[in-house]
Amino acid sequence: MPWWGWIIVAVVVLAALVVGLVYAGIHALRAARSIAGTGKEIQHYLNAMQQSAPGGEVPEQPLFTQPLSKAARRYSLAQTEVERRRIARHDRHAQRWSVWRHNRVPFTGNPVPGNNQAVSPSSNQAFDGMVEKTEPSSEAGQVWMHADRNASRPIR
């Protein structure tokens, strides 16, 4: 290679080195600004943590630093509350099912005598698939029909 070829290679290498340093410097400045913004946000939260509680209240110590009896008592109270909510939910469900069981309205397409409430398919959606006894037909024996709106024939 001639002597001037080595000079061109050296100039290209130095130019690439300078461009790389400028590129790295620009990104370092952008990162420094981003880190400074994040640092300001963190400092805001750290200052808030250093302030005392409003009203001069002393914050409660962490549970793992307190006696085990206190942790056991808190756990017991929490489990009692969970059980109370479970029992209340069960009672609500039992009450609702009881109301539905005692106020059943068979879907016949006609209103029930003595009841001012109109019977519609939407009011009997909960009874789909249940079997109900109807009046005896002209044939001998009882005829059982599905409460399903789509049932078109009696089932024996």
C-alpha atoms as a PDB file:
ATOM      1  CA  MET A   1       0.000   0.000   0.000  1.00  0.00           C
ATOM      2  CA  PRO A   2       1.393   3.458  -0.813  1.00  0.00           C
ATOM      3  CA  TRP A   3       2.263   5.870   1.938  1.00  0.00           C
ATOM      4  CA  TRP A   4      -0.733   8.164   1.251  1.00  0.00           C
ATOM      5  CA  GLY A   5      -3.108   5.125   1.712  1.00  0.00           C
ATOM      6  CA  TRP A   6      -2.002   4.804   5.314  1.00  0.00           C
ATOM      7  CA  ILE A   7      -2.708   8.497   5.849  1.00  0.00           C
ATOM      8  CA  ILE A   8      -6.276   8.088   4.509  1.00  0.00           C
ATOM      9  CA  VAL A   9      -6.862   5.045   6.764  1.00  0.00           C
ATOM     10  CA  ALA A  10      -5.560   6.966   9.816  1.00  0.00           C
ATOM     11  CA  VAL A  11      -7.777   9.983   9.043  1.00  0.00           C
ATOM     12  CA  VAL A  12     -10.868   7.755   8.646  1.00  0.00           C
ATOM     13  CA  VAL A  13     -10.125   5.971  11.936  1.00  0.00           C
ATOM     14  CA  LEU A  14      -9.638   9.292  13.768  1.00  0.00           C
ATOM     15  CA  ALA A  15     -12.863  10.685  12.237  1.00  0.00           C
ATOM     16  CA  ALA A  16     -14.809   7.577  13.345  1.00  0.00           C
ATOM     17  CA  LEU A  17     -13.334   7.927  16.826  1.00  0.00           C
ATOM     18  CA  VAL A  18     -14.372  11.604  17.044  1.00  0.00           C
ATOM     19  CA  VAL A  19     -17.885  10.870  15.756  1.00  0.00           C
ATOM     20  CA  GLY A  20     -18.247   8.043  18.293  1.00  0.00           C
ATOM     21  CA  LEU A  21     -17.116  10.295  21.154  1.00  0.00           C
ATOM     22  CA  VAL A  22     -19.582  13.031  20.112  1.00  0.00           C
ATOM     23  CA  TYR A  23     -22.402  10.480  19.841  1.00  0.00           C
ATOM     24  CA  ALA A  24     -21.589   9.049  23.272  1.00  0.00           C
ATOM     25  CA  GLY A  25     -21.357  12.567  24.774  1.00  0.00           C
ATOM     26  CA  ILE A  26     -24.774  13.608  23.430  1.00  0.00           C
ATOM     27  CA  HIS A  27     -26.404  10.476  24.863  1.00  0.00           C
ATOM     28  CA  ALA A  28     -24.583  10.925  28.173  1.00  0.00           C
ATOM     29  CA  LEU A  29     -26.004  14.471  28.493  1.00  0.00           C
ATOM     30  CA  ARG A  30     -29.533  13.218  27.721  1.00  0.00           C
ATOM     31  CA  ALA A  31     -29.148  10.461  30.313  1.00  0.00           C
ATOM     32  CA  ALA A  32     -27.843  12.949  32.896  1.00  0.00           C
ATOM     33  CA  ARG A  33     -30.940  15.153  32.397  1.00  0.00           C
ATOM     34  CA  SER A  34     -33.222  12.137  32.722  1.00  0.00           C
ATOM     35  CA  ILE A  35     -31.466  10.958  35.871  1.00  0.00           C
ATOM     36  CA  ALA A  36     -31.650  14.471  37.339  1.00  0.00           C
ATOM     37  CA  GLY A  37     -35.448  14.516  36.803  1.00  0.00           C
ATOM     38  CA  THR A  38     -35.781  11.122  38.412  1.00  0.00           C
ATOM     39  CA  GLY A  39     -33.587  12.259  41.306  1.00  0.00           C
ATOM     40  CA  LYS A  40     -35.859  15.273  41.898  1.00  0.00           C
ATOM     41  CA  GLU A  41     -38.904  12.993  42.047  1.00  0.00           C
ATOM     42  CA  ILE A  42     -37.191  10.622  44.456  1.00  0.00           C
ATOM     43  CA  GLN A  43     -36.056  13.529  46.616  1.00  0.00           C
ATOM     44  CA  HIS A  44     -39.665  14.767  46.808  1.00  0.00           C
ATOM     45  CA  TYR A  45     -40.796  11.396  48.160  1.00  0.00           C
ATOM     46  CA  LEU A  46     -37.839  11.099  50.536  1.00  0.00           C
ATOM     47  CA  ASN A  47     -38.626  14.546  51.986  1.00  0.00           C
ATOM     48  CA  ALA A  48     -42.261  13.526  52.453  1.00  0.00           C
ATOM     49  CA  MET A  49     -41.131  10.403  54.306  1.00  0.00           C
ATOM     50  CA  GLN A  50     -38.948  12.473  56.640  1.00  0.00           C
ATOM     51  CA  GLN A  51     -41.855  14.655  57.759  1.00  0.00           C
ATOM     52  CA  SER A  52     -43.735  13.585  60.875  1.00  0.00           C
ATOM     53  CA  ALA A  53     -47.299  12.340  60.717  1.00  0.00           C
ATOM     54  CA  PRO A  54     -50.031  15.010  60.848  1.00  0.00           C
ATOM     55  CA  GLY A  55     -51.344  15.704  64.337  1.00  0.00           C
ATOM     56  CA  GLY A  56     -48.148  14.504  65.991  1.00  0.00           C
ATOM     57  CA  GLU A  57     -49.187  10.841  65.798  1.00  0.00           C
ATOM     58  CA  VAL A  58     -46.438   8.291  66.203  1.00  0.00           C
ATOM     59  CA  PRO A  59     -46.563   5.723  63.399  1.00  0.00           C
ATOM     60  CA  GLU A  60     -47.034   2.104  64.460  1.00  0.00           C
ATOM     61  CA  GLN A  61     -43.924  -0.022  64.544  1.00  0.00           C
ATOM     62  CA  PRO A  62     -43.614  -2.757  61.906  1.00  0.00           C
ATOM     63  CA  LEU A  63     -45.443  -5.921  62.887  1.00  0.00           C
ATOM     64  CA  PHE A  64     -42.345  -8.118  62.727  1.00  0.00           C
ATOM     65  CA  THR A  65     -40.731  -6.020  65.484  1.00  0.00           C
ATOM     66  CA  GLN A  66     -43.682  -6.444  67.863  1.00  0.00           C
ATOM     67  CA  PRO A  67     -44.461  -9.403  70.153  1.00  0.00           C
ATOM     68  CA  LEU A  68     -45.855 -12.480  68.447  1.00  0.00           C
ATOM     69  CA  SER A  69     -49.017 -12.340  70.585  1.00  0.00           C
ATOM     70  CA  LYS A  70     -49.929  -9.007  68.987  1.00  0.00           C
ATOM     71  CA  ALA A  71     -49.490 -10.440  65.482  1.00  0.00           C
ATOM     72  CA  ALA A  72     -51.555 -13.506  66.432  1.00  0.00           C
ATOM     73  CA  ARG A  73     -54.330 -11.298  67.810  1.00  0.00           C
ATOM     74  CA  ARG A  74     -54.431  -9.190  64.632  1.00  0.00           C
ATOM     75  CA  TYR A  75     -54.511 -12.347  62.499  1.00  0.00           C
ATOM     76  CA  SER A  76     -57.341 -13.763  64.613  1.00  0.00           C
ATOM     77  CA  LEU A  77     -59.369 -10.566  64.242  1.00  0.00           C
ATOM     78  CA  ALA A  78     -58.804 -10.552  60.488  1.00  0.00           C
ATOM     79  CA  GLN A  79     -59.885 -14.196  60.163  1.00  0.00           C
ATOM     80  CA  THR A  80     -62.986 -13.495  62.275  1.00  0.00           C
ATOM     81  CA  GLU A  81     -63.926 -10.683  59.895  1.00  0.00           C
ATOM     82  CA  VAL A  82     -63.356 -12.925  56.861  1.00  0.00           C
ATOM     83  CA  GLU A  83     -65.578 -15.619  58.386  1.00  0.00           C
ATOM     84  CA  ARG A  84     -68.264 -13.056  59.293  1.00  0.00           C
ATOM     85  CA  ARG A  85     -68.351 -11.842  55.672  1.00  0.00           C
ATOM     86  CA  ARG A  86     -68.512 -15.431  54.382  1.00  0.00           C
ATOM     87  CA  ILE A  87     -71.453 -16.253  56.675  1.00  0.00           C
ATOM     88  CA  ALA A  88     -73.262 -13.042  55.689  1.00  0.00           C
ATOM     89  CA  ARG A  89     -72.784 -13.905  51.987  1.00  0.00           C
ATOM     90  CA  HIS A  90     -74.086 -17.436  52.587  1.00  0.00           C
ATOM     91  CA  ASP A  91     -77.144 -16.074  54.441  1.00  0.00           C
ATOM     92  CA  ARG A  92     -77.895 -13.628  51.598  1.00  0.00           C
ATOM     93  CA  HIS A  93     -77.707 -16.432  49.056  1.00  0.00           C
ATOM     94  CA  ALA A  94     -79.906 -18.732  51.169  1.00  0.00           C
ATOM     95  CA  GLN A  95     -82.473 -15.966  51.624  1.00  0.00           C
ATOM     96  CA  ARG A  96     -82.566 -15.234  47.875  1.00  0.00           C
ATOM     97  CA  TRP A  97     -82.949 -18.917  46.992  1.00  0.00           C
ATOM     98  CA  SER A  98     -85.733 -19.210  49.564  1.00  0.00           C
ATOM     99  CA  VAL A  99     -87.578 -16.298  47.970  1.00  0.00           C
ATOM    100  CA  TRP A 100     -87.160 -17.816  44.521  1.00  0.00           C
ATOM    101  CA  ARG A 101     -88.259 -21.248  45.720  1.00  0.00           C
ATOM    102  CA  HIS A 102     -91.493 -19.935  47.334  1.00  0.00           C
ATOM    103  CA  ASN A 103     -92.412 -17.477  44.572  1.00  0.00           C
ATOM    104  CA  ARG A 104     -92.067 -19.786  41.602  1.00  0.00           C
ATOM    105  CA  VAL A 105     -94.253 -18.872  38.654  1.00  0.00           C
ATOM    106  CA  PRO A 106     -94.572 -21.604  36.030  1.00  0.00           C
ATOM    107  CA  PHE A 107     -94.199 -20.391  32.474  1.00  0.00           C
ATOM    108  CA  THR A 108     -97.442 -21.129  30.687  1.00  0.00           C
ATOM    109  CA  GLY A 109     -97.725 -17.989  28.603  1.00  0.00           C
ATOM    110  CA  ASN A 110    -100.818 -16.964  30.595  1.00  0.00           C
ATOM    111  CA  PRO A 111    -100.881 -14.819  33.744  1.00  0.00           C
ATOM    112  CA  VAL A 112    -101.371 -16.670  37.027  1.00  0.00           C
ATOM    113  CA  PRO A 113    -104.850 -16.095  38.524  1.00  0.00           C
ATOM    114  CA  GLY A 114    -104.812 -13.740  41.485  1.00  0.00           C
ATOM    115  CA  ASN A 115    -101.420 -12.376  40.528  1.00  0.00           C
ATOM    116  CA  ASN A 116    -101.191  -8.959  38.897  1.00  0.00           C
ATOM    117  CA  GLN A 117     -97.686  -9.640  37.697  1.00  0.00           C
ATOM    118  CA  ALA A 118     -97.355 -10.400  34.005  1.00  0.00           C
ATOM    119  CA  VAL A 119     -95.525 -13.585  33.117  1.00  0.00           C
ATOM    120  CA  SER A 120     -92.944 -13.141  30.421  1.00  0.00           C
ATOM    121  CA  PRO A 121     -90.150 -15.340  29.155  1.00  0.00           C
ATOM    122  CA  SER A 122     -87.591 -13.023  30.751  1.00  0.00           C
ATOM    123  CA  SER A 123     -89.165 -13.487  34.204  1.00  0.00           C
ATOM    124  CA  ASN A 124     -88.773 -17.259  33.898  1.00  0.00           C
ATOM    125  CA  GLN A 125     -85.191 -17.386  32.714  1.00  0.00           C
ATOM    126  CA  ALA A 126     -84.113 -18.709  36.114  1.00  0.00           C
ATOM    127  CA  PHE A 127     -86.451 -21.709  35.671  1.00  0.00           C
ATOM    128  CA  ASP A 128     -85.137 -22.897  32.282  1.00  0.00           C
ATOM    129  CA  GLY A 129     -84.526 -26.614  32.344  1.00  0.00           C
ATOM    130  CA  MET A 130     -86.509 -27.231  35.565  1.00  0.00           C
ATOM    131  CA  VAL A 131     -89.327 -29.746  35.500  1.00  0.00           C
ATOM    132  CA  GLU A 132     -92.749 -28.629  36.731  1.00  0.00           C
ATOM    133  CA  LYS A 133     -96.069 -30.425  37.152  1.00  0.00           C
ATOM    134  CA  THR A 134     -99.003 -29.096  35.136  1.00  0.00           C
ATOM    135  CA  GLU A 135    -102.694 -29.849  35.049  1.00  0.00           C
ATOM    136  CA  PRO A 136    -103.642 -33.354  33.895  1.00  0.00           C
ATOM    137  CA  SER A 137    -104.362 -33.562  30.185  1.00  0.00           C
ATOM    138  CA  SER A 138    -107.251 -35.323  28.589  1.00  0.00           C
ATOM    139  CA  GLU A 139    -105.065 -38.410  28.481  1.00  0.00           C
ATOM    140  CA  ALA A 140    -104.840 -40.653  31.528  1.00  0.00           C
ATOM    141  CA  GLY A 141    -102.166 -39.784  34.106  1.00  0.00           C
ATOM    142  CA  GLN A 142    -100.107 -36.707  34.778  1.00  0.00           C
ATOM    143  CA  VAL A 143     -98.155 -34.891  32.112  1.00  0.00           C
ATOM    144  CA  TRP A 144     -94.823 -33.303  33.043  1.00  0.00           C
ATOM    145  CA  MET A 145     -93.531 -30.380  31.049  1.00  0.00           C
ATOM    146  CA  HIS A 146     -90.193 -28.637  31.006  1.00  0.00           C
ATOM    147  CA  ALA A 147     -90.291 -25.010  32.002  1.00  0.00           C
ATOM    148  CA  ASP A 148     -88.026 -24.318  29.060  1.00  0.00           C
ATOM    149  CA  ARG A 149     -89.505 -21.752  26.685  1.00  0.00           C
ATOM    150  CA  ASN A 150     -88.302 -23.808  23.736  1.00  0.00           C
ATOM    151  CA  ALA A 151     -90.071 -27.010  24.792  1.00  0.00           C
ATOM    152  CA  SER A 152     -92.933 -27.619  22.416  1.00  0.00           C
ATOM    153  CA  ARG A 153     -94.129 -31.062  23.485  1.00  0.00           C
ATOM    154  CA  PRO A 154     -94.948 -32.706  26.810  1.00  0.00           C
ATOM    155  CA  ILE A 155     -92.520 -35.218  28.263  1.00  0.00           C
ATOM    156  CA  ARG A 156     -93.857 -38.351  29.987  1.00  0.00           C
END
